[in-house]
C-alpha atoms as a PDB file:
ATOM      1  CA  UNK A   1       3.356  23.562  -1.960  1.00  0.00           C
ATOM      2  CA  UNK A   2       2.732  24.558  -5.547  1.00  0.00           C
ATOM      3  CA  UNK A   3      -0.526  26.478  -5.800  1.00  0.00           C
ATOM      4  CA  UNK A   4      -1.306  24.928  -9.186  1.00  0.00           C
ATOM      5  CA  UNK A   5      -0.784  21.324  -8.075  1.00  0.00           C
ATOM      6  CA  UNK A   6      -4.269  20.775  -6.555  1.00  0.00           C
ATOM      7  CA  UNK A   7      -5.803  21.741  -9.890  1.00  0.00           C
ATOM      8  CA  UNK A   8      -3.516  19.392 -11.814  1.00  0.00           C
ATOM      9  CA  UNK A   9      -4.179  16.545  -9.396  1.00  0.00           C
ATOM     10  CA  UNK A  10      -7.963  16.918  -9.495  1.00  0.00           C
ATOM     11  CA  UNK A  11      -7.919  17.002 -13.295  1.00  0.00           C
ATOM     12  CA  UNK A  12      -5.850  13.819 -13.399  1.00  0.00           C
ATOM     13  CA  UNK A  13      -8.145  12.200 -10.846  1.00  0.00           C
ATOM     14  CA  UNK A  14     -11.236  13.166 -12.806  1.00  0.00           C
ATOM     15  CA  UNK A  15      -9.874  11.594 -15.979  1.00  0.00           C
ATOM     16  CA  UNK A  16      -8.866   8.366 -14.283  1.00  0.00           C
ATOM     17  CA  UNK A  17     -12.020   7.836 -12.246  1.00  0.00           C
ATOM     18  CA  UNK A  18     -14.007   7.350 -15.432  1.00  0.00           C
ATOM     19  CA  UNK A  19     -12.524   3.855 -15.900  1.00  0.00           C
ATOM     20  CA  UNK A  20     -14.503   0.989 -14.300  1.00  0.00           C
ATOM     21  CA  UNK A  21     -12.968  -1.034 -11.465  1.00  0.00           C
ATOM     22  CA  UNK A  22     -13.319  -4.800 -11.023  1.00  0.00           C
ATOM     23  CA  UNK A  23     -13.011  -6.799  -7.777  1.00  0.00           C
ATOM     24  CA  UNK A  24     -11.107  -5.977  -4.585  1.00  0.00           C
ATOM     25  CA  UNK A  25      -7.645  -4.494  -4.912  1.00  0.00           C
ATOM     26  CA  UNK A  26      -4.673  -3.473  -2.767  1.00  0.00           C
ATOM     27  CA  UNK A  27      -3.849   0.220  -2.384  1.00  0.00           C
ATOM     28  CA  UNK A  28      -0.512   1.298  -0.888  1.00  0.00           C
ATOM     29  CA  UNK A  29       0.140   4.944  -0.039  1.00  0.00           C
ATOM     30  CA  UNK A  30       3.740   5.846   0.877  1.00  0.00           C
ATOM     31  CA  UNK A  31       3.879   9.348   2.362  1.00  0.00           C
ATOM     32  CA  UNK A  32       7.260  11.077   2.549  1.00  0.00           C
ATOM     33  CA  UNK A  33       9.366   9.002   0.168  1.00  0.00           C
ATOM     34  CA  UNK A  34      12.796   9.866  -1.274  1.00  0.00           C
ATOM     35  CA  UNK A  35      13.876  10.019  -4.906  1.00  0.00           C
ATOM     36  CA  UNK A  36      17.334  10.015  -6.451  1.00  0.00           C
ATOM     37  CA  UNK A  37      18.742  10.018  -9.972  1.00  0.00           C
ATOM     38  CA  UNK A  38      22.273   8.675 -10.529  1.00  0.00           C
ATOM     39  CA  UNK A  39      23.653  10.534 -13.552  1.00  0.00           C
ATOM     40  CA  UNK A  40      26.492   8.003 -13.958  1.00  0.00           C
ATOM     41  CA  UNK A  41      24.168   5.034 -14.484  1.00  0.00           C
ATOM     42  CA  UNK A  42      20.975   6.768 -15.596  1.00  0.00           C
ATOM     43  CA  UNK A  43      19.084   5.024 -12.789  1.00  0.00           C
ATOM     44  CA  UNK A  44      16.155   6.566 -10.951  1.00  0.00           C
ATOM     45  CA  UNK A  45      15.329   5.222  -7.487  1.00  0.00           C
ATOM     46  CA  UNK A  46      12.371   5.877  -5.202  1.00  0.00           C
ATOM     47  CA  UNK A  47      12.638   4.523  -1.676  1.00  0.00           C
ATOM     48  CA  UNK A  48      11.592   4.946   1.950  1.00  0.00           C
ATOM     49  CA  UNK A  49      13.373   6.995   4.570  1.00  0.00           C
ATOM     50  CA  UNK A  50      13.096   7.181   8.356  1.00  0.00           C
ATOM     51  CA  UNK A  51      10.132   9.557   8.153  1.00  0.00           C
ATOM     52  CA  UNK A  52       8.109   7.596   5.577  1.00  0.00           C
ATOM     53  CA  UNK A  53       4.614   6.432   6.576  1.00  0.00           C
ATOM     54  CA  UNK A  54       2.823   3.543   4.857  1.00  0.00           C
ATOM     55  CA  UNK A  55      -0.960   3.258   4.690  1.00  0.00           C
ATOM     56  CA  UNK A  56      -2.133   0.015   3.102  1.00  0.00           C
ATOM     57  CA  UNK A  57      -5.772  -0.804   2.426  1.00  0.00           C
ATOM     58  CA  UNK A  58      -7.824  -3.518   0.825  1.00  0.00           C
ATOM     59  CA  UNK A  59     -10.591  -1.816  -1.142  1.00  0.00           C
ATOM     60  CA  UNK A  60     -13.729  -2.979  -2.921  1.00  0.00           C
ATOM     61  CA  UNK A  61     -14.608  -2.343  -6.552  1.00  0.00           C
ATOM     62  CA  UNK A  62     -16.629   0.636  -5.296  1.00  0.00           C
ATOM     63  CA  UNK A  63     -13.502   2.031  -3.598  1.00  0.00           C
ATOM     64  CA  UNK A  64     -14.776   1.191  -0.111  1.00  0.00           C
ATOM     65  CA  UNK A  65     -12.115   0.377   2.466  1.00  0.00           C
ATOM     66  CA  UNK A  66     -12.439  -3.234   3.665  1.00  0.00           C
ATOM     67  CA  UNK A  67      -9.237  -3.624   5.661  1.00  0.00           C
ATOM     68  CA  UNK A  68      -6.232  -1.555   6.708  1.00  0.00           C
ATOM     69  CA  UNK A  69      -2.643  -1.893   7.936  1.00  0.00           C
ATOM     70  CA  UNK A  70      -0.322   0.984   8.811  1.00  0.00           C
ATOM     71  CA  UNK A  71       3.418   1.318   9.406  1.00  0.00           C
ATOM     72  CA  UNK A  72       4.458   4.723  10.710  1.00  0.00           C
ATOM     73  CA  UNK A  73       8.161   3.988  11.152  1.00  0.00           C
ATOM     74  CA  UNK A  74      10.254   3.879   8.000  1.00  0.00           C
ATOM     75  CA  UNK A  75      12.770   1.527   9.614  1.00  0.00           C
ATOM     76  CA  UNK A  76      10.156  -1.257   9.862  1.00  0.00           C
ATOM     77  CA  UNK A  77       9.591  -1.732   6.138  1.00  0.00           C
ATOM     78  CA  UNK A  78      11.239  -1.054   2.792  1.00  0.00           C
ATOM     79  CA  UNK A  79      10.163  -0.125  -0.707  1.00  0.00           C
ATOM     80  CA  UNK A  80      12.268   0.369  -3.816  1.00  0.00           C
ATOM     81  CA  UNK A  81      11.305   1.488  -7.283  1.00  0.00           C
ATOM     82  CA  UNK A  82      14.396   1.282  -9.489  1.00  0.00           C
ATOM     83  CA  UNK A  83      14.165   2.312 -13.131  1.00  0.00           C
ATOM     84  CA  UNK A  84      16.632   2.918 -15.946  1.00  0.00           C
ATOM     85  CA  UNK A  85      15.910   6.269 -17.582  1.00  0.00           C
ATOM     86  CA  UNK A  86      16.512   6.452 -21.335  1.00  0.00           C
ATOM     87  CA  UNK A  87      16.046   9.932 -22.774  1.00  0.00           C
ATOM     88  CA  UNK A  88      16.781   9.980 -26.521  1.00  0.00           C
ATOM     89  CA  UNK A  89      15.462  13.517 -26.881  1.00  0.00           C
ATOM     90  CA  UNK A  90      12.180  14.877 -28.118  1.00  0.00           C
ATOM     91  CA  UNK A  91       9.081  15.773 -26.145  1.00  0.00           C
ATOM     92  CA  UNK A  92       7.367  12.975 -24.161  1.00  0.00           C
ATOM     93  CA  UNK A  93       9.954  10.439 -25.273  1.00  0.00           C
ATOM     94  CA  UNK A  94      11.413   9.179 -21.976  1.00  0.00           C
ATOM     95  CA  UNK A  95      11.540   5.463 -21.219  1.00  0.00           C
ATOM     96  CA  UNK A  96      11.640   4.350 -17.580  1.00  0.00           C
ATOM     97  CA  UNK A  97      11.769   0.587 -16.978  1.00  0.00           C
ATOM     98  CA  UNK A  98      12.775  -1.471 -13.973  1.00  0.00           C
ATOM     99  CA  UNK A  99      11.364  -3.157 -10.909  1.00  0.00           C
ATOM    100  CA  UNK A 100       9.337  -2.367  -7.805  1.00  0.00           C
ATOM    101  CA  UNK A 101       9.413  -4.284  -4.545  1.00  0.00           C
ATOM    102  CA  UNK A 102       8.321  -3.773  -0.967  1.00  0.00           C
ATOM    103  CA  UNK A 103       8.185  -5.424   2.448  1.00  0.00           C
ATOM    104  CA  UNK A 104       5.950  -5.279   5.482  1.00  0.00           C
ATOM    105  CA  UNK A 105       7.001  -5.548   9.141  1.00  0.00           C
ATOM    106  CA  UNK A 106       8.145  -9.135   8.516  1.00  0.00           C
ATOM    107  CA  UNK A 107      10.955  -7.680   6.358  1.00  0.00           C
ATOM    108  CA  UNK A 108      10.087 -10.251   3.694  1.00  0.00           C
ATOM    109  CA  UNK A 109       9.335  -9.370   0.075  1.00  0.00           C
ATOM    110  CA  UNK A 110       5.610  -8.803   0.296  1.00  0.00           C
ATOM    111  CA  UNK A 111       5.309  -7.845  -3.350  1.00  0.00           C
ATOM    112  CA  UNK A 112       7.449  -7.555  -6.447  1.00  0.00           C
ATOM    113  CA  UNK A 113       6.765  -6.431 -10.011  1.00  0.00           C
ATOM    114  CA  UNK A 114       8.190  -5.176 -13.258  1.00  0.00           C
ATOM    115  CA  UNK A 115       7.706  -1.444 -13.853  1.00  0.00           C
ATOM    116  CA  UNK A 116       7.348   0.593 -17.033  1.00  0.00           C
ATOM    117  CA  UNK A 117       6.241   4.186 -17.378  1.00  0.00           C
ATOM    118  CA  UNK A 118       2.964   4.715 -19.201  1.00  0.00           C
ATOM    119  CA  UNK A 119       1.011   7.599 -20.653  1.00  0.00           C
ATOM    120  CA  UNK A 120      -1.805   9.347 -18.832  1.00  0.00           C
ATOM    121  CA  UNK A 121      -4.040  12.022 -20.231  1.00  0.00           C
ATOM    122  CA  UNK A 122      -2.297  13.987 -22.977  1.00  0.00           C
ATOM    123  CA  UNK A 123       1.179  13.102 -21.693  1.00  0.00           C
ATOM    124  CA  UNK A 124       2.683  10.371 -23.861  1.00  0.00           C
ATOM    125  CA  UNK A 125       5.305   9.013 -21.458  1.00  0.00           C
ATOM    126  CA  UNK A 126       3.695   9.737 -18.081  1.00  0.00           C
ATOM    127  CA  UNK A 127       6.687  11.718 -16.809  1.00  0.00           C
ATOM    128  CA  UNK A 128       6.201  15.439 -16.240  1.00  0.00           C
ATOM    129  CA  UNK A 129       8.193  18.263 -14.733  1.00  0.00           C
ATOM    130  CA  UNK A 130       6.407  21.470 -13.770  1.00  0.00           C
ATOM    131  CA  UNK A 131       8.679  24.470 -13.232  1.00  0.00           C
ATOM    132  CA  UNK A 132       6.502  26.501 -10.882  1.00  0.00           C
ATOM    133  CA  UNK A 133       7.788  27.539  -7.446  1.00  0.00           C
ATOM    134  CA  UNK A 134       8.717  24.077  -6.108  1.00  0.00           C
ATOM    135  CA  UNK A 135       9.543  22.302  -9.402  1.00  0.00           C
ATOM    136  CA  UNK A 136       7.399  19.158  -9.294  1.00  0.00           C
ATOM    137  CA  UNK A 137       8.397  15.874 -10.911  1.00  0.00           C
ATOM    138  CA  UNK A 138       5.580  13.347 -11.467  1.00  0.00           C
ATOM    139  CA  UNK A 139       5.857   9.788 -12.776  1.00  0.00           C
ATOM    140  CA  UNK A 140       3.132   7.280 -13.654  1.00  0.00           C
ATOM    141  CA  UNK A 141       3.779   3.646 -14.497  1.00  0.00           C
ATOM    142  CA  UNK A 142       2.284   0.240 -15.115  1.00  0.00           C
ATOM    143  CA  UNK A 143       3.104  -2.873 -13.076  1.00  0.00           C
ATOM    144  CA  UNK A 144       3.223  -6.485 -14.229  1.00  0.00           C
ATOM    145  CA  UNK A 145       3.987  -9.681 -12.347  1.00  0.00           C
ATOM    146  CA  UNK A 146       7.566 -10.885 -12.842  1.00  0.00           C
ATOM    147  CA  UNK A 147       7.514 -13.851 -15.186  1.00  0.00           C
ATOM    148  CA  UNK A 148       3.745 -13.480 -15.459  1.00  0.00           C
ATOM    149  CA  UNK A 149       3.339 -14.506 -11.814  1.00  0.00           C
ATOM    150  CA  UNK A 150       1.448 -12.786  -9.028  1.00  0.00           C
ATOM    151  CA  UNK A 151       2.756  -9.463  -7.699  1.00  0.00           C
ATOM    152  CA  UNK A 152       1.955 -10.864  -4.229  1.00  0.00           C
ATOM    153  CA  UNK A 153       5.264 -12.681  -3.822  1.00  0.00           C
ATOM    154  CA  UNK A 154       5.476 -13.663  -0.164  1.00  0.00           C
ATOM    155  CA  UNK A 155       4.768 -16.206   1.201  1.00  0.00           C
ATOM    156  CA  UNK A 156       5.484 -18.542  -1.680  1.00  0.00           C
ATOM    157  CA  UNK A 157       2.194 -20.401  -1.168  1.00  0.00           C
ATOM    158  CA  UNK A 158      -1.015 -20.083   0.808  1.00  0.00           C
ATOM    159  CA  UNK A 159      -2.716 -16.887   1.896  1.00  0.00           C
ATOM    160  CA  UNK A 160      -0.972 -13.559   1.236  1.00  0.00           C
ATOM    161  CA  UNK A 161      -0.745 -11.601   4.480  1.00  0.00           C
ATOM    162  CA  UNK A 162       0.474  -8.019   4.719  1.00  0.00           C
ATOM    163  CA  UNK A 163       1.441  -7.196   8.315  1.00  0.00           C
ATOM    164  CA  UNK A 164       1.350  -3.646   9.610  1.00  0.00           C
ATOM    165  CA  UNK A 165       2.802  -2.291  12.810  1.00  0.00           C
ATOM    166  CA  UNK A 166       0.982  -3.100  16.061  1.00  0.00           C
ATOM    167  CA  UNK A 167      -1.017   0.116  16.217  1.00  0.00           C
ATOM    168  CA  UNK A 168      -4.427  -1.255  17.091  1.00  0.00           C
ATOM    169  CA  UNK A 169      -5.910  -0.627  13.657  1.00  0.00           C
ATOM    170  CA  UNK A 170      -9.355  -2.182  13.767  1.00  0.00           C
ATOM    171  CA  UNK A 171      -9.803  -5.698  12.421  1.00  0.00           C
ATOM    172  CA  UNK A 172     -11.296  -5.620   8.945  1.00  0.00           C
ATOM    173  CA  UNK A 173     -12.173  -8.225   6.359  1.00  0.00           C
ATOM    174  CA  UNK A 174      -9.780 -10.845   7.720  1.00  0.00           C
ATOM    175  CA  UNK A 175     -10.893 -10.195  11.375  1.00  0.00           C
ATOM    176  CA  UNK A 176      -7.268  -9.595  12.454  1.00  0.00           C
ATOM    177  CA  UNK A 177      -6.101  -6.154  13.551  1.00  0.00           C
ATOM    178  CA  UNK A 178      -3.180  -4.469  11.750  1.00  0.00           C
ATOM    179  CA  UNK A 179      -3.041  -6.821   8.776  1.00  0.00           C
ATOM    180  CA  UNK A 180      -4.565  -7.448   5.352  1.00  0.00           C
ATOM    181  CA  UNK A 181      -5.176 -10.879   3.865  1.00  0.00           C
ATOM    182  CA  UNK A 182      -5.865 -12.131   0.358  1.00  0.00           C
ATOM    183  CA  UNK A 183      -6.596 -15.859   0.262  1.00  0.00           C
ATOM    184  CA  UNK A 184      -4.557 -18.410  -1.659  1.00  0.00           C
ATOM    185  CA  UNK A 185      -7.396 -18.610  -4.172  1.00  0.00           C
ATOM    186  CA  UNK A 186      -7.299 -14.832  -4.715  1.00  0.00           C
ATOM    187  CA  UNK A 187      -3.602 -14.025  -4.732  1.00  0.00           C
ATOM    188  CA  UNK A 188      -2.692 -15.587  -8.059  1.00  0.00           C
ATOM    189  CA  UNK A 189      -4.937 -13.144  -9.923  1.00  0.00           C
ATOM    190  CA  UNK A 190      -2.922 -10.063  -8.942  1.00  0.00           C
ATOM    191  CA  UNK A 191      -0.625  -9.702 -11.928  1.00  0.00           C
ATOM    192  CA  UNK A 192      -1.236  -6.051 -12.835  1.00  0.00           C
ATOM    193  CA  UNK A 193      -1.090  -2.676 -11.159  1.00  0.00           C
ATOM    194  CA  UNK A 194      -0.052   0.954 -11.324  1.00  0.00           C
ATOM    195  CA  UNK A 195       2.325   3.402  -9.691  1.00  0.00           C
ATOM    196  CA  UNK A 196       1.877   7.126  -9.281  1.00  0.00           C
ATOM    197  CA  UNK A 197       4.791   9.102  -7.805  1.00  0.00           C
ATOM    198  CA  UNK A 198       3.630  12.624  -7.051  1.00  0.00           C
ATOM    199  CA  UNK A 199       4.834  15.917  -5.637  1.00  0.00           C
ATOM    200  CA  UNK A 200       8.570  15.343  -5.623  1.00  0.00           C
ATOM    201  CA  UNK A 201      10.113  18.784  -5.216  1.00  0.00           C
ATOM    202  CA  UNK A 202      13.494  18.975  -6.968  1.00  0.00           C
ATOM    203  CA  UNK A 203      14.813  22.544  -6.559  1.00  0.00           C
ATOM    204  CA  UNK A 204      18.450  21.854  -7.519  1.00  0.00           C
ATOM    205  CA  UNK A 205      20.569  19.274  -9.317  1.00  0.00           C
ATOM    206  CA  UNK A 206      23.370  17.371  -7.615  1.00  0.00           C
ATOM    207  CA  UNK A 207      25.976  20.038  -8.331  1.00  0.00           C
ATOM    208  CA  UNK A 208      23.763  22.795  -6.899  1.00  0.00           C
ATOM    209  CA  UNK A 209      22.508  24.132 -10.245  1.00  0.00           C
ATOM    210  CA  UNK A 210      18.924  25.366 -10.049  1.00  0.00           C
ATOM    211  CA  UNK A 211      16.212  23.380 -11.829  1.00  0.00           C
ATOM    212  CA  UNK A 212      14.293  26.557 -12.636  1.00  0.00           C
ATOM    213  CA  UNK A 213      13.531  27.186 -16.281  1.00  0.00           C
ATOM    214  CA  UNK A 214      12.910  23.632 -17.495  1.00  0.00           C
ATOM    215  CA  UNK A 215       9.529  23.376 -19.171  1.00  0.00           C
ATOM    216  CA  UNK A 216       9.290  19.582 -19.434  1.00  0.00           C
ATOM    217  CA  UNK A 217      10.737  16.319 -18.123  1.00  0.00           C
ATOM    218  CA  UNK A 218      12.762  15.638 -21.263  1.00  0.00           C
ATOM    219  CA  UNK A 219      14.849  18.797 -20.852  1.00  0.00           C
ATOM    220  CA  UNK A 220      14.960  18.269 -17.083  1.00  0.00           C
ATOM    221  CA  UNK A 221      16.503  14.776 -17.311  1.00  0.00           C
ATOM    222  CA  UNK A 222      18.903  15.853 -20.064  1.00  0.00           C
ATOM    223  CA  UNK A 223      20.174  18.568 -17.725  1.00  0.00           C
ATOM    224  CA  UNK A 224      20.314  16.140 -14.766  1.00  0.00           C
ATOM    225  CA  UNK A 225      22.819  14.008 -16.692  1.00  0.00           C
ATOM    226  CA  UNK A 226      25.085  17.041 -17.002  1.00  0.00           C
ATOM    227  CA  UNK A 227      24.650  18.406 -13.479  1.00  0.00           C
ATOM    228  CA  UNK A 228      25.213  15.507 -11.106  1.00  0.00           C
ATOM    229  CA  UNK A 229      21.751  13.961 -11.063  1.00  0.00           C
ATOM    230  CA  UNK A 230      19.424  14.919  -8.218  1.00  0.00           C
ATOM    231  CA  UNK A 231      17.895  13.795  -4.937  1.00  0.00           C
ATOM    232  CA  UNK A 232      14.813  14.860  -3.031  1.00  0.00           C
ATOM    233  CA  UNK A 233      12.613  13.925  -0.079  1.00  0.00           C
ATOM    234  CA  UNK A 234       8.993  14.435   0.843  1.00  0.00           C
ATOM    235  CA  UNK A 235       6.986  13.057  -2.048  1.00  0.00           C
ATOM    236  CA  UNK A 236       4.168  10.529  -2.187  1.00  0.00           C
ATOM    237  CA  UNK A 237       4.061   7.200  -4.005  1.00  0.00           C
ATOM    238  CA  UNK A 238       0.738   5.495  -4.536  1.00  0.00           C
ATOM    239  CA  UNK A 239       0.469   1.915  -5.755  1.00  0.00           C
ATOM    240  CA  UNK A 240      -2.521  -0.108  -6.918  1.00  0.00           C
ATOM    241  CA  UNK A 241      -2.207  -3.882  -7.175  1.00  0.00           C
ATOM    242  CA  UNK A 242      -5.174  -5.064  -9.204  1.00  0.00           C
ATOM    243  CA  UNK A 243      -6.474  -8.516 -10.147  1.00  0.00           C
ATOM    244  CA  UNK A 244      -6.420  -9.540 -13.806  1.00  0.00           C
ATOM    245  CA  UNK A 245      -7.718  -8.756 -16.342  1.00  0.00           C
ATOM    246  CA  UNK A 246      -6.832  -5.380 -14.895  1.00  0.00           C
ATOM    247  CA  UNK A 247      -9.339  -3.334 -16.872  1.00  0.00           C
ATOM    248  CA  UNK A 248      -9.374  -0.893 -13.988  1.00  0.00           C
ATOM    249  CA  UNK A 249      -5.718   0.109 -14.228  1.00  0.00           C
ATOM    250  CA  UNK A 250      -5.157   3.639 -12.936  1.00  0.00           C
ATOM    251  CA  UNK A 251      -8.854   4.133 -12.138  1.00  0.00           C
ATOM    252  CA  UNK A 252      -8.606   4.057  -8.386  1.00  0.00           C
ATOM    253  CA  UNK A 253      -5.394   6.018  -8.517  1.00  0.00           C
ATOM    254  CA  UNK A 254      -7.545   8.885  -9.664  1.00  0.00           C
ATOM    255  CA  UNK A 255      -9.860   8.420  -6.711  1.00  0.00           C
ATOM    256  CA  UNK A 256      -6.883   8.339  -4.381  1.00  0.00           C
ATOM    257  CA  UNK A 257      -5.518  11.512  -5.927  1.00  0.00           C
ATOM    258  CA  UNK A 258      -8.768  13.390  -5.350  1.00  0.00           C
ATOM    259  CA  UNK A 259      -8.873  12.179  -1.748  1.00  0.00           C
ATOM    260  CA  UNK A 260      -5.240  13.167  -1.233  1.00  0.00           C
ATOM    261  CA  UNK A 261      -5.929  16.645  -2.572  1.00  0.00           C
ATOM    262  CA  UNK A 262      -8.972  17.057  -0.329  1.00  0.00           C
ATOM    263  CA  UNK A 263      -6.925  16.056   2.730  1.00  0.00           C
ATOM    264  CA  UNK A 264      -3.994  18.333   2.032  1.00  0.00           C
ATOM    265  CA  UNK A 265      -5.658  21.428   0.590  1.00  0.00           C
END
């Protein structure tokens, strides 16, 4: 693990926590995800693998956990962030746009959204590459409901229920173990959100060329197009799904980052 990463993460978390949060929100933490970049299409994908764990929580505006569902078997759910990378050159000038979708243990589309990278802190495009020991690629993005609709896509009507594995997780706000519920009256408000993909170690490109020596994401992706793309396992993807007007966007992500750092360092 990069020795500088805890410092970077805490700084990001500190900046983001300063933004106020409104109403309950959904927080999804995917631990051990995979990332790949197809140099022939310019498409970046982030998805689950057999070892991926999913920790989903409903949280209050004070970032208090109200309910929880967990899935500790990557074969029982799916998640896919797919984005077209456009890199015209120049620092902090990458565009990453696409879609994000995920399922629960019902294997139905529990949520779906449009994705676009967004700035955080001093970084103008929210995509960074740190060449330091393990070569970390980080991506931040904004979510919006497809067609202006709710990100909570399934079921088509009624309460939105996210079902975890049968692990005996204590019943929370909805009084049912291993699941999270947002009522029919609530679900339509969830049209915004954020994504934070962190700690993806990319030591080599697809043709075996080392990624050492690249000082930023712009140069890194330009080289990836020439060297067979890349693939990597073992990162984290954190997702907030937040009710409109979404003034909180990215705020709780910062809280989650600080908590993640405290757990792992």
